Amino acid sequence: MELWFSEFQTKNVKISFKINNVLHSSKSKYQKITVLETEDYGRLLALDDLVMLTTKDEFFYHEMISHVPLLTHENPSKVLVIGGGDGGTIREIIKHPVKEIHLVEIDKEVIETSKKYFPSVSSGFSDPRVKVFCEDGIEFVKNNKGYDVIIIDSTDPIGPAVGLFSRAFYNDAYNSLNENGIMVAQTESPIFCNQLIKRVYHDVSSIFAFTNLYTAVIPTYPGAYWTFTMGSKGINPLEREISNTPAFKTKFYCRELHKSYFILPPFLKEIIYK
């Protein structure tokens, strides 16, 4: 008998994975947490039956949400991550010569599950520059300032993550940033969430001096084509020269393509500008 896991990406579309083993299943205060061993994608982490990562393709997402804003900033010293309890974004940030990294994850059990079942993803938690806060990120940004880069590595805009897609939250993030600070948020797929992308783009544009969308392919996410929305207080990402920044190892992000990530296809331009 075959065992399959399916995520309904919409009510009419689903992606399915053949499963070899259920490694973990629990219910935290906030959500259902599942870890599966798949046939083709390695280990899979799902929250409330939505795929957060697989070990085969997680680096597509984590590298793009981290390196694009960090290299766009001239000299980031203090970085805040909202969400990202699996640790993949932290793993990428520690490749940079930053001094402090704060991660705010509302669900401590996500962190502990990732440490146990995804050691290659969560390895950055042991870095001494990293400090973890298990609390609400929305409230955290209201009360903490002095960051050069804020990365909003949130789940989909449902449940406790809804507020992380609001204009009020982006305004609080703006106030938490230093001069020339940069915020980036994952903003879903234009295949299924074009109205959300348009709203977020215009909300961020009303707050930050520069607002730019960039994209990446993420095979196991809905639509496989993903957007990130960047708000910058003073640095124009399209004019930033990154050729002299320190080199480090990546699998998906490519510094030669850095500026090209901001080039949008016509249909995506139409979504945000029309």
Protein backbone atom coordinates (compact mmCIF):
# COMPACT_ATOMS: atom_id res chain seq x y z
CA MET A 1 0.00 0.00 0.00
CA GLU A 2 1.41 3.38 -1.02
CA LEU A 3 1.35 6.38 1.31
CA TRP A 4 0.96 9.87 -0.15
CA PHE A 5 0.89 13.38 1.33
CA SER A 6 -1.00 16.09 -0.56
CA GLU A 7 -1.08 19.84 -0.05
CA PHE A 8 -4.09 21.61 -1.47
CA GLN A 9 -2.53 24.72 -2.99
CA THR A 10 -6.03 25.90 -3.91
CA LYS A 11 -9.36 24.09 -3.63
CA ASN A 12 -8.77 22.84 -7.18
CA VAL A 13 -5.00 22.26 -7.23
CA LYS A 14 -2.82 20.03 -5.10
CA ILE A 15 0.75 18.76 -5.05
CA SER A 16 1.42 15.23 -3.82
CA PHE A 17 4.48 13.44 -2.48
CA LYS A 18 4.99 9.70 -2.13
CA ILE A 19 5.91 9.07 1.51
CA ASN A 20 8.29 6.47 2.87
CA ASN A 21 7.81 7.27 6.54
CA VAL A 22 6.08 9.62 8.97
CA LEU A 23 8.91 10.82 11.22
CA HIS A 24 7.00 13.26 13.41
CA SER A 25 3.47 14.49 13.96
CA SER A 26 2.40 16.81 16.77
CA LYS A 27 0.09 19.69 17.59
CA SER A 28 1.65 22.77 19.13
CA LYS A 29 -0.21 25.67 20.69
CA TYR A 30 -0.36 27.27 17.24
CA GLN A 31 -0.37 24.58 14.55
CA LYS A 32 0.03 21.00 13.43
CA ILE A 33 3.68 20.07 12.80
CA THR A 34 4.53 17.15 10.52
CA VAL A 35 7.84 15.74 9.30
CA LEU A 36 7.77 13.20 6.47
CA GLU A 37 10.39 11.18 4.62
CA THR A 38 9.51 11.45 0.95
CA GLU A 39 10.56 9.30 -1.96
CA ASP A 40 11.97 12.07 -4.17
CA TYR A 41 12.29 15.27 -2.11
CA GLY A 42 14.00 14.03 1.04
CA ARG A 43 12.55 15.19 4.33
CA LEU A 44 9.51 17.46 4.27
CA LEU A 45 8.30 19.88 6.95
CA ALA A 46 4.60 20.77 6.87
CA LEU A 47 2.71 23.18 9.14
CA ASP A 48 -1.04 22.68 9.15
CA ASP A 49 -0.54 20.41 6.12
CA LEU A 50 1.18 23.16 4.10
CA VAL A 51 4.70 22.46 2.82
CA MET A 52 7.28 24.73 4.45
CA LEU A 53 10.38 23.05 3.07
CA THR A 54 11.91 19.91 1.65
CA THR A 55 15.58 19.10 1.98
CA LYS A 56 15.87 18.81 -1.79
CA ASP A 57 14.88 22.39 -2.67
CA GLU A 58 14.84 24.48 0.54
CA PHE A 59 17.98 26.36 -0.46
CA PHE A 60 16.18 28.01 -3.40
CA TYR A 61 14.02 29.93 -0.94
CA HIS A 62 16.41 30.48 1.94
CA GLU A 63 19.24 31.81 -0.22
CA MET A 64 16.99 34.21 -2.10
CA ILE A 65 15.22 35.67 0.93
CA SER A 66 18.59 36.23 2.65
CA HIS A 67 21.36 37.15 0.22
CA VAL A 68 19.44 39.58 -1.99
CA PRO A 69 18.65 42.06 0.84
CA LEU A 70 21.92 41.52 2.73
CA LEU A 71 24.07 42.19 -0.34
CA THR A 72 21.86 45.09 -1.39
CA HIS A 73 22.57 46.77 1.95
CA GLU A 74 25.99 48.42 2.07
CA ASN A 75 27.10 47.12 5.46
CA PRO A 76 24.51 45.23 7.52
CA SER A 77 25.48 44.75 11.13
CA LYS A 78 22.25 43.84 12.93
CA VAL A 79 19.62 41.63 11.28
CA LEU A 80 16.13 40.64 12.38
CA VAL A 81 14.26 37.58 11.09
CA ILE A 82 10.53 37.32 11.76
CA GLY A 83 9.41 33.69 11.50
CA GLY A 84 11.85 31.26 9.94
CA GLY A 85 11.80 28.81 12.83
CA ASP A 86 13.27 26.06 10.65
CA GLY A 87 16.57 27.98 10.69
CA GLY A 88 17.29 27.98 6.97
CA THR A 89 17.37 31.76 6.70
CA ILE A 90 19.66 31.98 9.73
CA ARG A 91 22.02 29.45 8.11
CA GLU A 92 22.37 31.78 5.12
CA ILE A 93 22.70 35.00 7.13
CA ILE A 94 25.68 33.70 9.13
CA LYS A 95 27.64 33.54 5.86
CA HIS A 96 27.77 37.35 6.07
CA PRO A 97 29.98 39.37 8.45
CA VAL A 98 27.04 40.66 10.51
CA LYS A 99 27.42 41.20 14.24
CA GLU A 100 23.96 40.37 15.60
CA ILE A 101 21.11 38.19 14.33
CA HIS A 102 17.76 38.11 16.11
CA LEU A 103 15.15 35.51 15.18
CA VAL A 104 11.59 35.92 16.40
CA GLU A 105 9.52 32.74 16.07
CA ILE A 106 6.16 32.47 17.79
CA ASP A 107 6.20 28.65 17.90
CA LYS A 108 9.12 27.19 19.83
CA GLU A 109 8.16 23.66 18.76
CA VAL A 110 8.95 24.49 15.13
CA ILE A 111 12.51 25.36 16.15
CA GLU A 112 12.94 22.21 18.22
CA THR A 113 11.48 20.02 15.48
CA SER A 114 13.84 21.49 12.90
CA LYS A 115 16.85 21.00 15.15
CA LYS A 116 15.96 17.34 15.55
CA TYR A 117 14.92 16.40 12.01
CA PHE A 118 16.61 19.01 9.80
CA PRO A 119 20.15 19.49 11.17
CA SER A 120 21.52 20.73 7.82
CA VAL A 121 18.86 23.47 7.77
CA SER A 122 18.95 24.48 11.45
CA SER A 123 22.74 24.41 11.89
CA GLY A 124 22.97 28.21 12.15
CA PHE A 125 21.22 28.31 15.51
CA SER A 126 24.51 27.38 17.18
CA ASP A 127 26.26 30.50 15.90
CA PRO A 128 27.02 32.83 18.86
CA ARG A 129 25.72 35.86 16.93
CA VAL A 130 22.21 34.37 16.91
CA LYS A 131 19.65 35.15 19.60
CA VAL A 132 16.19 33.55 19.50
CA PHE A 133 13.00 35.12 20.84
CA CYS A 134 9.92 32.88 21.03
CA GLU A 135 7.25 35.54 20.86
CA ASP A 136 4.92 37.38 18.53
CA GLY A 137 6.87 39.11 15.75
CA ILE A 138 4.15 41.72 15.25
CA GLU A 139 4.56 42.96 18.81
CA PHE A 140 8.33 42.54 18.72
CA VAL A 141 8.90 45.06 15.92
CA LYS A 142 6.82 47.64 17.78
CA ASN A 143 9.21 47.54 20.72
CA ASN A 144 12.64 46.89 19.18
CA LYS A 145 14.70 49.13 16.89
CA GLY A 146 18.17 49.47 15.43
CA TYR A 147 18.14 46.88 12.66
CA ASP A 148 19.85 47.22 9.30
CA VAL A 149 17.89 44.44 7.60
CA ILE A 150 14.57 42.86 8.54
CA ILE A 151 13.60 39.59 6.83
CA ILE A 152 9.98 38.49 7.13
CA ASP A 153 10.22 34.74 6.66
CA SER A 154 6.57 34.07 7.39
CA THR A 155 4.19 31.25 6.66
CA ASP A 156 1.23 31.82 4.33
CA PRO A 157 -1.17 34.67 5.27
CA ILE A 158 -3.46 32.55 7.40
CA GLY A 159 -3.79 32.10 11.16
CA PRO A 160 -1.14 33.88 13.29
CA ALA A 161 0.73 35.06 10.16
CA VAL A 162 -2.08 37.24 8.78
CA GLY A 163 -0.82 40.35 10.56
CA LEU A 164 2.62 39.96 8.99
CA PHE A 165 1.09 40.99 5.65
CA SER A 166 -0.52 44.22 6.89
CA ARG A 167 0.42 47.82 6.19
CA ALA A 168 0.57 48.50 9.93
CA PHE A 169 3.21 45.81 10.37
CA TYR A 170 5.29 47.12 7.46
CA ASN A 171 5.14 50.58 9.01
CA ASP A 172 6.38 49.20 12.32
CA ALA A 173 9.17 47.38 10.47
CA TYR A 174 10.14 50.68 8.82
CA ASN A 175 10.40 52.31 12.24
CA SER A 176 12.55 49.43 13.52
CA LEU A 177 15.12 49.96 10.79
CA ASN A 178 18.17 52.19 10.90
CA GLU A 179 18.82 54.83 8.26
CA ASN A 180 19.25 53.06 4.89
CA GLY A 181 17.59 49.97 6.38
CA ILE A 182 16.04 47.31 4.18
CA MET A 183 13.02 45.08 4.74
CA VAL A 184 12.14 42.05 2.62
CA ALA A 185 9.10 39.80 2.89
CA GLN A 186 8.08 36.63 1.15
CA THR A 187 4.91 37.53 -0.72
CA GLU A 188 3.57 34.33 -2.25
CA SER A 189 3.04 33.25 -5.86
CA PRO A 190 1.63 35.45 -8.65
CA ILE A 191 -0.02 32.33 -10.04
CA PHE A 192 -2.48 32.17 -7.15
CA CYS A 193 -2.05 35.32 -5.04
CA ASN A 194 -1.90 38.24 -7.46
CA GLN A 195 -4.23 40.46 -5.41
CA LEU A 196 -2.17 39.92 -2.26
CA ILE A 197 1.03 40.76 -4.14
CA LYS A 198 -0.51 43.93 -5.56
CA ARG A 199 -1.79 45.07 -2.15
CA VAL A 200 1.51 44.40 -0.39
CA TYR A 201 3.49 46.15 -3.12
CA HIS A 202 1.37 49.29 -2.82
CA ASP A 203 1.40 49.18 0.99
CA VAL A 204 5.20 48.94 1.08
CA SER A 205 5.50 51.63 -1.63
CA SER A 206 3.50 54.02 0.53
CA ILE A 207 6.07 53.64 3.34
CA PHE A 208 9.53 53.08 1.83
CA ALA A 209 11.52 55.28 -0.56
CA PHE A 210 12.24 52.30 -2.84
CA THR A 211 10.02 49.26 -3.32
CA ASN A 212 11.01 46.41 -5.61
CA LEU A 213 9.70 42.93 -6.31
CA TYR A 214 12.11 40.12 -7.10
CA THR A 215 11.38 36.51 -7.91
CA ALA A 216 12.67 32.95 -7.70
CA VAL A 217 11.61 29.48 -8.72
CA ILE A 218 10.77 27.26 -5.75
CA PRO A 219 9.62 23.86 -7.04
CA THR A 220 7.50 22.70 -4.09
CA TYR A 221 5.72 25.99 -3.38
CA PRO A 222 2.31 26.78 -4.94
CA GLY A 223 2.79 27.76 -8.57
CA ALA A 224 6.56 27.14 -8.27
CA TYR A 225 7.17 30.85 -9.03
CA TRP A 226 7.63 33.01 -5.94
CA THR A 227 7.83 36.70 -5.13
CA PHE A 228 9.70 38.69 -2.51
CA THR A 229 8.90 42.33 -1.83
CA MET A 230 11.74 44.60 -0.75
CA GLY A 231 11.33 48.01 0.86
CA SER A 232 14.42 50.18 1.21
CA LYS A 233 14.74 53.42 3.16
CA GLY A 234 17.58 54.89 1.14
CA ILE A 235 19.39 52.37 -1.06
CA ASN A 236 18.13 51.81 -4.59
CA PRO A 237 18.68 48.07 -5.18
CA LEU A 238 18.85 48.59 -8.93
CA GLU A 239 21.86 50.88 -8.52
CA ARG A 240 23.71 48.94 -5.84
CA GLU A 241 27.06 47.54 -7.02
CA ILE A 242 27.77 44.20 -5.31
CA SER A 243 30.73 42.90 -7.32
CA ASN A 244 33.21 43.69 -4.54
CA THR A 245 31.25 42.08 -1.71
CA PRO A 246 32.75 39.00 0.03
CA ALA A 247 32.27 35.69 -1.74
CA PHE A 248 30.62 32.68 -0.09
CA LYS A 249 29.20 29.37 -1.24
CA THR A 250 25.63 29.17 -2.54
CA LYS A 251 23.63 26.66 -4.57
CA PHE A 252 20.93 28.84 -6.15
CA TYR A 253 21.69 32.51 -5.56
CA CYS A 254 24.20 33.86 -8.08
CA ARG A 255 25.78 37.28 -7.60
CA GLU A 256 26.22 37.68 -11.38
CA LEU A 257 22.44 37.53 -11.65
CA HIS A 258 21.74 39.76 -8.63
CA LYS A 259 20.24 42.71 -10.48
CA SER A 260 18.43 40.48 -12.94
CA TYR A 261 16.35 39.02 -10.10
CA PHE A 262 14.53 42.37 -10.03
CA ILE A 263 13.57 42.19 -13.70
CA LEU A 264 9.88 41.29 -13.84
CA PRO A 265 8.00 39.60 -16.68
CA PRO A 266 5.21 41.63 -18.27
CA PHE A 267 2.37 39.73 -16.56
CA LEU A 268 3.85 40.45 -13.12
CA LYS A 269 4.36 44.13 -13.91
CA GLU A 270 0.72 44.25 -14.92
CA ILE A 271 -0.33 42.74 -11.59
CA ILE A 272 1.42 45.36 -9.47
CA TYR A 273 1.01 48.44 -11.66
CA LYS A 274 -2.44 48.05 -13.22
